[in-house]
N, C-alpha and C. Protein backbone atom coordinates (compact mmCIF):
# COMPACT_ATOMS: atom_id res chain seq x y z
N MET A 1 88.59 93.14 105.85
CA MET A 1 89.67 94.08 106.03
C MET A 1 89.37 95.34 105.24
N THR A 2 89.83 96.46 105.72
CA THR A 2 89.65 97.73 105.05
C THR A 2 90.42 97.73 103.75
N GLU A 3 89.76 98.21 102.69
CA GLU A 3 90.42 98.27 101.39
C GLU A 3 91.50 99.35 101.41
N ILE A 4 92.64 99.05 100.84
CA ILE A 4 93.73 100.02 100.74
C ILE A 4 93.85 100.42 99.29
N VAL A 5 93.74 101.72 99.04
CA VAL A 5 93.81 102.23 97.69
C VAL A 5 95.18 102.85 97.49
N VAL A 6 95.78 102.61 96.35
CA VAL A 6 97.09 103.16 96.05
C VAL A 6 96.93 104.24 94.99
N CYS A 7 97.52 105.37 95.25
CA CYS A 7 97.47 106.50 94.35
C CYS A 7 98.30 106.19 93.10
N ASP A 8 97.76 106.47 91.94
CA ASP A 8 98.51 106.14 90.74
C ASP A 8 98.51 107.25 89.69
N ARG A 9 98.41 108.50 90.13
CA ARG A 9 98.47 109.59 89.17
C ARG A 9 99.89 109.71 88.61
N PRO A 10 100.01 110.05 87.32
CA PRO A 10 101.35 110.20 86.75
C PRO A 10 102.05 111.43 87.33
N GLN A 11 103.36 111.36 87.37
CA GLN A 11 104.14 112.47 87.90
C GLN A 11 104.32 113.53 86.84
N ASN A 12 104.47 114.76 87.28
CA ASN A 12 104.74 115.89 86.42
C ASN A 12 106.21 115.81 85.99
N PRO A 13 106.51 115.85 84.70
CA PRO A 13 107.90 115.77 84.27
C PRO A 13 108.73 116.97 84.70
N ALA A 14 108.09 118.04 85.17
CA ALA A 14 108.83 119.23 85.58
C ALA A 14 109.37 119.13 87.01
N VAL A 15 108.98 118.10 87.77
CA VAL A 15 109.47 118.00 89.14
C VAL A 15 110.94 117.62 89.16
N THR A 16 111.59 117.93 90.26
CA THR A 16 113.02 117.72 90.37
C THR A 16 113.36 116.23 90.35
N PRO A 17 114.58 115.86 89.94
CA PRO A 17 114.97 114.44 89.88
C PRO A 17 114.82 113.73 91.22
N GLN A 18 115.12 114.41 92.35
CA GLN A 18 115.00 113.74 93.64
C GLN A 18 113.55 113.33 93.89
N SER A 19 112.59 114.16 93.46
CA SER A 19 111.19 113.82 93.70
C SER A 19 110.73 112.68 92.81
N GLN A 20 111.52 112.32 91.80
CA GLN A 20 111.15 111.23 90.92
C GLN A 20 111.71 109.89 91.39
N ALA A 21 112.32 109.86 92.55
CA ALA A 21 112.76 108.58 93.12
C ALA A 21 111.53 107.70 93.27
N ARG A 22 111.72 106.41 93.26
CA ARG A 22 110.59 105.48 93.31
C ARG A 22 110.01 105.33 94.71
N ALA A 23 108.69 105.14 94.75
CA ALA A 23 108.03 104.82 96.01
C ALA A 23 108.51 103.43 96.42
N ARG A 24 108.74 103.22 97.70
CA ARG A 24 109.20 101.92 98.19
C ARG A 24 108.29 101.40 99.30
N GLY A 25 108.41 102.00 100.47
CA GLY A 25 107.69 101.47 101.62
C GLY A 25 106.50 102.28 102.05
N ARG A 26 105.73 101.69 102.93
CA ARG A 26 104.59 102.38 103.54
C ARG A 26 104.19 101.68 104.81
N ILE A 27 103.40 102.35 105.59
CA ILE A 27 102.86 101.80 106.83
C ILE A 27 101.46 101.30 106.55
N LEU A 28 101.18 100.08 106.95
CA LEU A 28 99.84 99.51 106.81
C LEU A 28 99.15 99.51 108.16
N PHE A 29 97.86 99.75 108.15
CA PHE A 29 97.03 99.81 109.35
C PHE A 29 95.94 98.75 109.25
N ASP A 30 95.75 97.99 110.33
CA ASP A 30 94.68 96.99 110.40
C ASP A 30 93.73 97.40 111.52
N ALA A 31 92.57 97.89 111.14
CA ALA A 31 91.58 98.38 112.12
C ALA A 31 91.10 97.27 113.06
N ARG A 32 91.10 96.02 112.59
CA ARG A 32 90.63 94.92 113.45
C ARG A 32 91.56 94.68 114.63
N SER A 33 92.83 95.00 114.48
CA SER A 33 93.80 94.78 115.56
C SER A 33 94.00 96.00 116.45
N CYS A 34 93.68 97.17 115.95
CA CYS A 34 93.92 98.41 116.70
C CYS A 34 92.96 98.52 117.89
N ARG A 35 93.47 98.97 119.01
CA ARG A 35 92.67 99.16 120.22
C ARG A 35 92.43 100.64 120.53
N ALA A 36 92.80 101.51 119.59
CA ALA A 36 92.59 102.96 119.70
C ALA A 36 93.24 103.57 120.94
N CYS A 37 94.37 103.02 121.35
CA CYS A 37 95.09 103.57 122.51
C CYS A 37 95.81 104.87 122.16
N ARG A 38 96.09 105.09 120.87
CA ARG A 38 96.72 106.29 120.33
C ARG A 38 98.17 106.47 120.77
N VAL A 39 98.81 105.39 121.22
CA VAL A 39 100.23 105.46 121.56
C VAL A 39 101.04 105.83 120.32
N CYS A 40 100.59 105.40 119.15
CA CYS A 40 101.30 105.74 117.91
C CYS A 40 101.34 107.25 117.70
N GLU A 41 100.24 107.93 117.98
CA GLU A 41 100.18 109.39 117.85
C GLU A 41 101.14 110.07 118.82
N LEU A 42 101.12 109.62 120.07
CA LEU A 42 102.00 110.21 121.07
C LEU A 42 103.47 109.96 120.73
N GLY A 43 103.79 108.74 120.35
CA GLY A 43 105.17 108.41 119.98
C GLY A 43 105.65 109.23 118.80
N CYS A 44 104.80 109.41 117.81
CA CYS A 44 105.15 110.20 116.64
C CYS A 44 105.39 111.65 117.03
N SER A 45 104.48 112.23 117.80
CA SER A 45 104.65 113.64 118.16
C SER A 45 105.88 113.87 119.02
N ILE A 46 106.18 112.93 119.92
CA ILE A 46 107.40 113.05 120.73
C ILE A 46 108.63 112.94 119.84
N HIS A 47 108.61 111.99 118.91
CA HIS A 47 109.75 111.78 118.02
C HIS A 47 109.98 112.99 117.11
N LYS A 48 108.92 113.55 116.57
CA LYS A 48 109.04 114.63 115.59
C LYS A 48 109.11 116.02 116.21
N GLU A 49 108.40 116.23 117.32
CA GLU A 49 108.28 117.57 117.88
C GLU A 49 108.84 117.71 119.29
N GLY A 50 109.19 116.58 119.92
CA GLY A 50 109.76 116.64 121.26
C GLY A 50 108.74 116.77 122.37
N LYS A 51 107.46 116.63 122.05
CA LYS A 51 106.42 116.68 123.08
C LYS A 51 105.23 115.82 122.70
N ALA A 52 104.54 115.33 123.72
CA ALA A 52 103.35 114.49 123.51
C ALA A 52 102.19 115.40 123.16
N ARG A 53 101.95 115.54 121.87
CA ARG A 53 100.91 116.44 121.37
C ARG A 53 100.34 115.86 120.07
N PRO A 54 99.26 115.09 120.17
CA PRO A 54 98.70 114.44 118.98
C PRO A 54 98.39 115.39 117.82
N ALA A 55 98.16 116.66 118.08
CA ALA A 55 97.87 117.61 117.00
C ALA A 55 99.02 117.75 116.01
N VAL A 56 100.23 117.40 116.41
CA VAL A 56 101.38 117.51 115.51
C VAL A 56 101.91 116.13 115.09
N ALA A 57 101.19 115.09 115.43
CA ALA A 57 101.59 113.73 115.01
C ALA A 57 101.35 113.58 113.51
N ARG A 58 102.15 112.76 112.88
CA ARG A 58 102.01 112.52 111.45
C ARG A 58 101.10 111.34 111.17
N ILE A 59 100.54 110.75 112.20
CA ILE A 59 99.54 109.70 112.08
C ILE A 59 98.37 110.09 112.99
N SER A 60 97.18 109.73 112.59
CA SER A 60 96.00 110.03 113.40
C SER A 60 95.06 108.83 113.38
N ILE A 61 94.67 108.39 114.55
CA ILE A 61 93.69 107.31 114.66
C ILE A 61 92.32 107.97 114.82
N VAL A 62 91.40 107.59 113.96
CA VAL A 62 90.09 108.24 113.91
C VAL A 62 89.02 107.21 114.26
N PHE A 63 88.16 107.57 115.22
CA PHE A 63 87.03 106.72 115.58
C PHE A 63 85.76 107.44 115.18
N ASP A 64 84.98 106.83 114.29
CA ASP A 64 83.72 107.41 113.83
C ASP A 64 82.59 106.47 114.26
N GLU A 65 81.94 106.82 115.34
CA GLU A 65 80.90 105.95 115.90
C GLU A 65 79.70 105.78 114.97
N PHE A 66 79.59 106.62 113.95
CA PHE A 66 78.48 106.50 113.02
C PHE A 66 78.79 105.58 111.83
N GLN A 67 80.02 105.15 111.72
CA GLN A 67 80.43 104.20 110.69
C GLN A 67 80.07 102.80 111.17
N SER A 68 79.25 102.08 110.45
CA SER A 68 78.80 100.77 110.92
C SER A 68 79.80 99.65 110.62
N VAL A 69 80.58 99.76 109.57
CA VAL A 69 81.48 98.67 109.20
C VAL A 69 82.84 98.80 109.87
N ASP A 70 83.59 99.82 109.55
CA ASP A 70 84.91 100.05 110.13
C ASP A 70 84.94 101.41 110.81
N PRO A 71 84.50 101.48 112.06
CA PRO A 71 84.48 102.79 112.73
C PRO A 71 85.87 103.34 113.05
N LEU A 72 86.88 102.50 112.98
CA LEU A 72 88.25 102.89 113.30
C LEU A 72 89.07 102.96 112.01
N SER A 73 89.79 104.05 111.84
CA SER A 73 90.67 104.18 110.67
C SER A 73 91.90 104.98 111.07
N ALA A 74 92.89 104.96 110.21
CA ALA A 74 94.11 105.73 110.45
C ALA A 74 94.32 106.70 109.30
N ARG A 75 94.67 107.92 109.65
CA ARG A 75 95.07 108.91 108.65
C ARG A 75 96.59 108.92 108.63
N ILE A 76 97.13 108.31 107.59
CA ILE A 76 98.58 108.24 107.45
C ILE A 76 98.93 108.21 105.97
N CYS A 77 100.01 108.85 105.62
CA CYS A 77 100.42 108.94 104.22
C CYS A 77 100.73 107.57 103.65
N ALA A 78 100.21 107.31 102.45
CA ALA A 78 100.46 106.05 101.75
C ALA A 78 101.75 106.11 100.93
N GLN A 79 102.44 107.24 100.93
CA GLN A 79 103.68 107.40 100.16
C GLN A 79 103.42 106.98 98.71
N CYS A 80 102.35 107.50 98.12
CA CYS A 80 101.88 107.13 96.78
C CYS A 80 102.98 107.04 95.73
N GLU A 81 102.77 106.14 94.80
CA GLU A 81 103.71 106.03 93.68
C GLU A 81 103.70 107.29 92.83
N GLY A 82 102.52 107.81 92.53
CA GLY A 82 102.40 109.00 91.70
C GLY A 82 102.58 110.30 92.47
N ALA A 83 102.34 110.28 93.77
CA ALA A 83 102.50 111.41 94.69
C ALA A 83 102.03 112.75 94.11
N PRO A 84 100.72 112.95 93.96
CA PRO A 84 100.22 114.21 93.42
C PRO A 84 100.58 115.42 94.31
N CYS A 85 100.90 115.18 95.56
CA CYS A 85 101.30 116.28 96.45
C CYS A 85 102.61 116.91 95.98
N ILE A 86 103.53 116.11 95.48
CA ILE A 86 104.81 116.64 94.99
C ILE A 86 104.56 117.56 93.80
N GLU A 87 103.73 117.10 92.90
CA GLU A 87 103.41 117.87 91.70
C GLU A 87 102.71 119.18 92.05
N ALA A 88 101.88 119.16 93.08
CA ALA A 88 101.08 120.34 93.44
C ALA A 88 101.87 121.42 94.17
N CYS A 89 103.02 121.08 94.72
CA CYS A 89 103.77 122.04 95.53
C CYS A 89 104.34 123.16 94.65
N ARG A 90 103.89 124.37 94.88
CA ARG A 90 104.31 125.49 94.02
C ARG A 90 105.71 125.99 94.32
N VAL A 91 106.26 125.67 95.49
CA VAL A 91 107.61 126.12 95.84
C VAL A 91 108.62 124.97 95.81
N GLU A 92 108.22 123.84 95.27
CA GLU A 92 109.06 122.65 95.16
C GLU A 92 109.69 122.25 96.49
N ALA A 93 108.89 122.35 97.56
CA ALA A 93 109.36 121.96 98.89
C ALA A 93 109.22 120.47 99.12
N MET A 94 108.51 119.78 98.25
CA MET A 94 108.29 118.35 98.43
C MET A 94 109.16 117.55 97.48
N SER A 95 109.67 116.44 98.00
CA SER A 95 110.51 115.55 97.21
C SER A 95 110.35 114.14 97.76
N ARG A 96 111.04 113.20 97.13
CA ARG A 96 110.99 111.81 97.59
C ARG A 96 112.39 111.38 98.01
N ASP A 97 112.49 110.75 99.17
CA ASP A 97 113.78 110.26 99.66
C ASP A 97 114.24 109.10 98.79
N GLU A 98 115.50 109.15 98.38
CA GLU A 98 116.06 108.10 97.52
C GLU A 98 116.07 106.72 98.18
N ARG A 99 116.39 106.67 99.47
CA ARG A 99 116.55 105.38 100.16
C ARG A 99 115.21 104.75 100.53
N THR A 100 114.33 105.52 101.18
CA THR A 100 113.07 104.95 101.68
C THR A 100 111.91 105.13 100.71
N GLY A 101 112.02 106.09 99.80
CA GLY A 101 110.91 106.39 98.90
C GLY A 101 109.85 107.25 99.55
N ALA A 102 110.08 107.71 100.79
CA ALA A 102 109.10 108.54 101.50
C ALA A 102 109.00 109.92 100.87
N VAL A 103 107.80 110.45 100.83
CA VAL A 103 107.59 111.81 100.35
C VAL A 103 107.91 112.75 101.50
N LEU A 104 108.80 113.71 101.23
CA LEU A 104 109.29 114.62 102.26
C LEU A 104 108.80 116.04 102.03
N ILE A 105 108.64 116.77 103.12
CA ILE A 105 108.32 118.20 103.05
C ILE A 105 109.53 118.95 103.58
N GLY A 106 110.14 119.77 102.73
CA GLY A 106 111.34 120.48 103.10
C GLY A 106 111.09 121.83 103.75
N GLU A 107 112.18 122.47 104.13
CA GLU A 107 112.14 123.77 104.81
C GLU A 107 111.51 124.87 103.97
N ALA A 108 111.49 124.72 102.65
CA ALA A 108 110.95 125.75 101.77
C ALA A 108 109.42 125.84 101.83
N CYS A 109 108.77 124.90 102.51
CA CYS A 109 107.30 124.88 102.60
C CYS A 109 106.78 126.18 103.20
N VAL A 110 105.77 126.77 102.54
CA VAL A 110 105.17 128.01 103.01
C VAL A 110 103.77 127.79 103.60
N GLY A 111 103.34 126.54 103.67
CA GLY A 111 102.05 126.23 104.27
C GLY A 111 100.85 126.58 103.42
N CYS A 112 101.01 126.60 102.11
CA CYS A 112 99.89 126.95 101.22
C CYS A 112 98.84 125.83 101.17
N MET A 113 99.24 124.62 101.50
CA MET A 113 98.38 123.44 101.58
C MET A 113 97.84 122.96 100.23
N ARG A 114 98.52 123.33 99.15
CA ARG A 114 98.16 122.78 97.83
C ARG A 114 98.39 121.27 97.83
N CYS A 115 99.37 120.81 98.60
CA CYS A 115 99.65 119.37 98.70
C CYS A 115 98.43 118.64 99.28
N GLN A 116 97.81 119.24 100.27
CA GLN A 116 96.64 118.63 100.89
C GLN A 116 95.48 118.53 99.90
N LYS A 117 95.29 119.59 99.14
CA LYS A 117 94.21 119.59 98.15
C LYS A 117 94.46 118.55 97.05
N ALA A 118 95.72 118.33 96.71
CA ALA A 118 96.05 117.35 95.66
C ALA A 118 95.97 115.91 96.15
N CYS A 119 96.13 115.71 97.45
CA CYS A 119 96.12 114.36 98.02
C CYS A 119 94.70 113.79 98.01
N PRO A 120 94.51 112.59 97.47
CA PRO A 120 93.17 111.98 97.46
C PRO A 120 92.58 111.80 98.85
N TRP A 121 93.41 111.78 99.89
CA TRP A 121 92.93 111.58 101.25
C TRP A 121 93.17 112.79 102.15
N ASN A 122 93.59 113.92 101.58
CA ASN A 122 93.86 115.15 102.36
C ASN A 122 94.82 114.89 103.51
N ILE A 123 95.84 114.10 103.30
CA ILE A 123 96.74 113.70 104.37
C ILE A 123 97.63 114.82 104.92
N PRO A 124 98.33 115.58 104.08
CA PRO A 124 99.16 116.64 104.69
C PRO A 124 98.28 117.58 105.54
N GLN A 125 98.77 117.89 106.72
CA GLN A 125 98.03 118.78 107.63
C GLN A 125 98.85 120.02 107.88
N LYS A 126 98.18 121.11 108.19
CA LYS A 126 98.87 122.35 108.52
C LYS A 126 99.36 122.25 109.96
N HIS A 127 100.64 122.53 110.15
CA HIS A 127 101.20 122.53 111.51
C HIS A 127 100.49 123.63 112.29
N PRO A 128 100.02 123.36 113.51
CA PRO A 128 99.26 124.37 114.24
C PRO A 128 100.07 125.59 114.68
N ASP A 129 101.39 125.49 114.71
CA ASP A 129 102.21 126.60 115.19
C ASP A 129 103.12 127.22 114.14
N ARG A 130 103.24 126.60 112.98
CA ARG A 130 104.14 127.11 111.95
C ARG A 130 103.43 127.16 110.61
N ARG A 131 103.94 127.96 109.71
CA ARG A 131 103.41 128.00 108.34
C ARG A 131 104.07 126.89 107.54
N ALA A 132 103.62 125.68 107.77
CA ALA A 132 104.19 124.53 107.07
C ALA A 132 103.22 123.36 107.13
N ALA A 133 103.30 122.53 106.12
CA ALA A 133 102.53 121.28 106.10
C ALA A 133 103.35 120.20 106.80
N ILE A 134 102.66 119.23 107.38
CA ILE A 134 103.32 118.08 107.99
C ILE A 134 102.65 116.80 107.52
N LYS A 135 103.45 115.75 107.38
CA LYS A 135 102.95 114.43 107.02
C LYS A 135 104.02 113.40 107.35
N CYS A 136 103.67 112.16 107.33
CA CYS A 136 104.60 111.08 107.65
C CYS A 136 105.76 111.03 106.66
N ASP A 137 106.97 110.86 107.19
CA ASP A 137 108.15 110.67 106.34
C ASP A 137 108.80 109.31 106.63
N LEU A 138 108.04 108.42 107.26
CA LEU A 138 108.49 107.07 107.62
C LEU A 138 109.67 107.10 108.59
N CYS A 139 109.82 108.20 109.34
CA CYS A 139 110.95 108.36 110.26
C CYS A 139 112.24 107.96 109.56
N LEU A 140 112.47 108.56 108.40
CA LEU A 140 113.53 108.11 107.50
C LEU A 140 114.92 108.08 108.11
N ASN A 141 115.17 108.80 109.18
CA ASN A 141 116.51 108.78 109.80
C ASN A 141 116.66 107.73 110.89
N GLU A 142 115.65 106.92 111.08
CA GLU A 142 115.67 105.88 112.11
C GLU A 142 116.00 104.53 111.50
N GLU A 143 117.02 103.88 112.02
CA GLU A 143 117.42 102.57 111.52
C GLU A 143 116.35 101.50 111.74
N ASP A 144 115.62 101.60 112.87
CA ASP A 144 114.64 100.56 113.19
C ASP A 144 113.21 100.92 112.78
N GLY A 145 113.07 101.81 111.81
CA GLY A 145 111.76 102.09 111.23
C GLY A 145 110.96 103.16 111.93
N PRO A 146 109.73 103.37 111.46
CA PRO A 146 108.87 104.42 111.99
C PRO A 146 108.57 104.26 113.49
N ALA A 147 108.60 105.38 114.21
CA ALA A 147 108.35 105.38 115.65
C ALA A 147 106.97 104.85 115.99
N CYS A 148 105.96 105.19 115.21
CA CYS A 148 104.60 104.76 115.51
C CYS A 148 104.50 103.23 115.50
N VAL A 149 105.17 102.59 114.54
CA VAL A 149 105.14 101.13 114.44
C VAL A 149 105.90 100.51 115.61
N ARG A 150 107.07 101.05 115.91
CA ARG A 150 107.88 100.52 117.03
C ARG A 150 107.15 100.63 118.36
N LEU A 151 106.43 101.72 118.58
CA LEU A 151 105.82 101.97 119.88
C LEU A 151 104.42 101.38 120.03
N CYS A 152 103.80 101.00 118.95
CA CYS A 152 102.46 100.42 119.02
C CYS A 152 102.50 99.13 119.83
N PRO A 153 101.65 99.01 120.86
CA PRO A 153 101.63 97.77 121.64
C PRO A 153 101.27 96.55 120.81
N LEU A 154 100.63 96.77 119.68
CA LEU A 154 100.26 95.67 118.78
C LEU A 154 101.06 95.74 117.49
N SER A 155 102.30 96.21 117.59
CA SER A 155 103.17 96.34 116.42
C SER A 155 103.24 95.02 115.67
N GLY A 156 103.13 95.13 114.38
CA GLY A 156 103.10 93.92 113.56
C GLY A 156 101.68 93.47 113.30
N LYS A 157 100.76 94.00 114.06
CA LYS A 157 99.34 93.67 113.86
C LYS A 157 98.56 94.92 113.48
N ALA A 158 98.46 95.89 114.40
CA ALA A 158 97.70 97.10 114.11
C ALA A 158 98.44 98.00 113.13
N LEU A 159 99.74 98.17 113.33
CA LEU A 159 100.58 98.95 112.42
C LEU A 159 101.74 98.07 111.97
N ARG A 160 102.04 98.16 110.69
CA ARG A 160 103.14 97.36 110.16
C ARG A 160 103.83 98.16 109.07
N TYR A 161 105.15 98.25 109.17
CA TYR A 161 105.94 98.93 108.14
C TYR A 161 106.43 97.90 107.14
N VAL A 162 106.14 98.13 105.88
CA VAL A 162 106.58 97.25 104.81
C VAL A 162 107.53 98.07 103.93
N PRO A 163 108.85 97.92 104.15
CA PRO A 163 109.83 98.77 103.46
C PRO A 163 109.87 98.60 101.94
N ASP A 164 109.38 97.48 101.44
CA ASP A 164 109.40 97.26 99.99
C ASP A 164 107.98 97.04 99.44
N TYR A 165 107.02 97.68 100.05
CA TYR A 165 105.61 97.51 99.67
C TYR A 165 105.37 97.69 98.17
N TYR A 166 105.86 98.79 97.60
CA TYR A 166 105.59 99.09 96.19
C TYR A 166 106.43 98.24 95.24
N GLU A 167 107.50 97.69 95.73
CA GLU A 167 108.33 96.82 94.90
C GLU A 167 107.74 95.42 94.80
N ARG A 168 107.11 94.96 95.89
CA ARG A 168 106.59 93.59 95.91
C ARG A 168 105.10 93.50 95.63
N GLY A 169 104.39 94.60 95.69
CA GLY A 169 102.97 94.60 95.34
C GLY A 169 102.05 94.49 96.54
N PRO A 170 100.75 94.54 96.27
CA PRO A 170 99.74 94.63 97.32
C PRO A 170 99.47 93.36 98.12
N GLU A 171 100.23 92.27 97.91
CA GLU A 171 100.00 91.09 98.74
C GLU A 171 100.31 91.39 100.20
N HIS A 172 100.99 92.50 100.47
CA HIS A 172 101.33 92.90 101.84
C HIS A 172 100.13 93.44 102.60
N GLU A 173 99.03 93.69 101.91
CA GLU A 173 97.86 94.26 102.58
C GLU A 173 97.27 93.33 103.61
N ARG A 174 97.51 92.06 103.47
CA ARG A 174 97.02 91.11 104.46
C ARG A 174 97.94 91.13 105.65
N VAL A 175 97.38 91.52 106.78
CA VAL A 175 98.18 91.65 108.01
C VAL A 175 98.12 90.36 108.78
């Protein structure tokens, strides 16, 4: 199975109290179960932007034919405990949701992409049509969880949402 690394940088004490909410859940990806159909990307972009456009999806399935071990991977926010992206935001547009623990990008974002540079995996992406960064927020307003997980034909196998991942520990990595 692909190793999952958890970000553990300490938070900046100058960040706002909302951004200091605890990390809770995250989406796990299992490359062995994924069939690279990219329905998760389409579902995400429709849910977030109202159109099927993978360029604005908050998840990306990547196939690297030159990778011999795991040619398939997913680019999706791990909702890090330390969240260096929050600390890096110069306009304080990033915070953490109290209920889900998801790292959010607010309207104040100017698209400077300091969050991307601070992220160990360069997860935040620049929206192609607006001066703003985009990344997964775990579809925080949805009662039944993230759209990508719900719409994945192999939901529960290829993609799995673990709402209490950081509270219960990494034993959830086994899909």
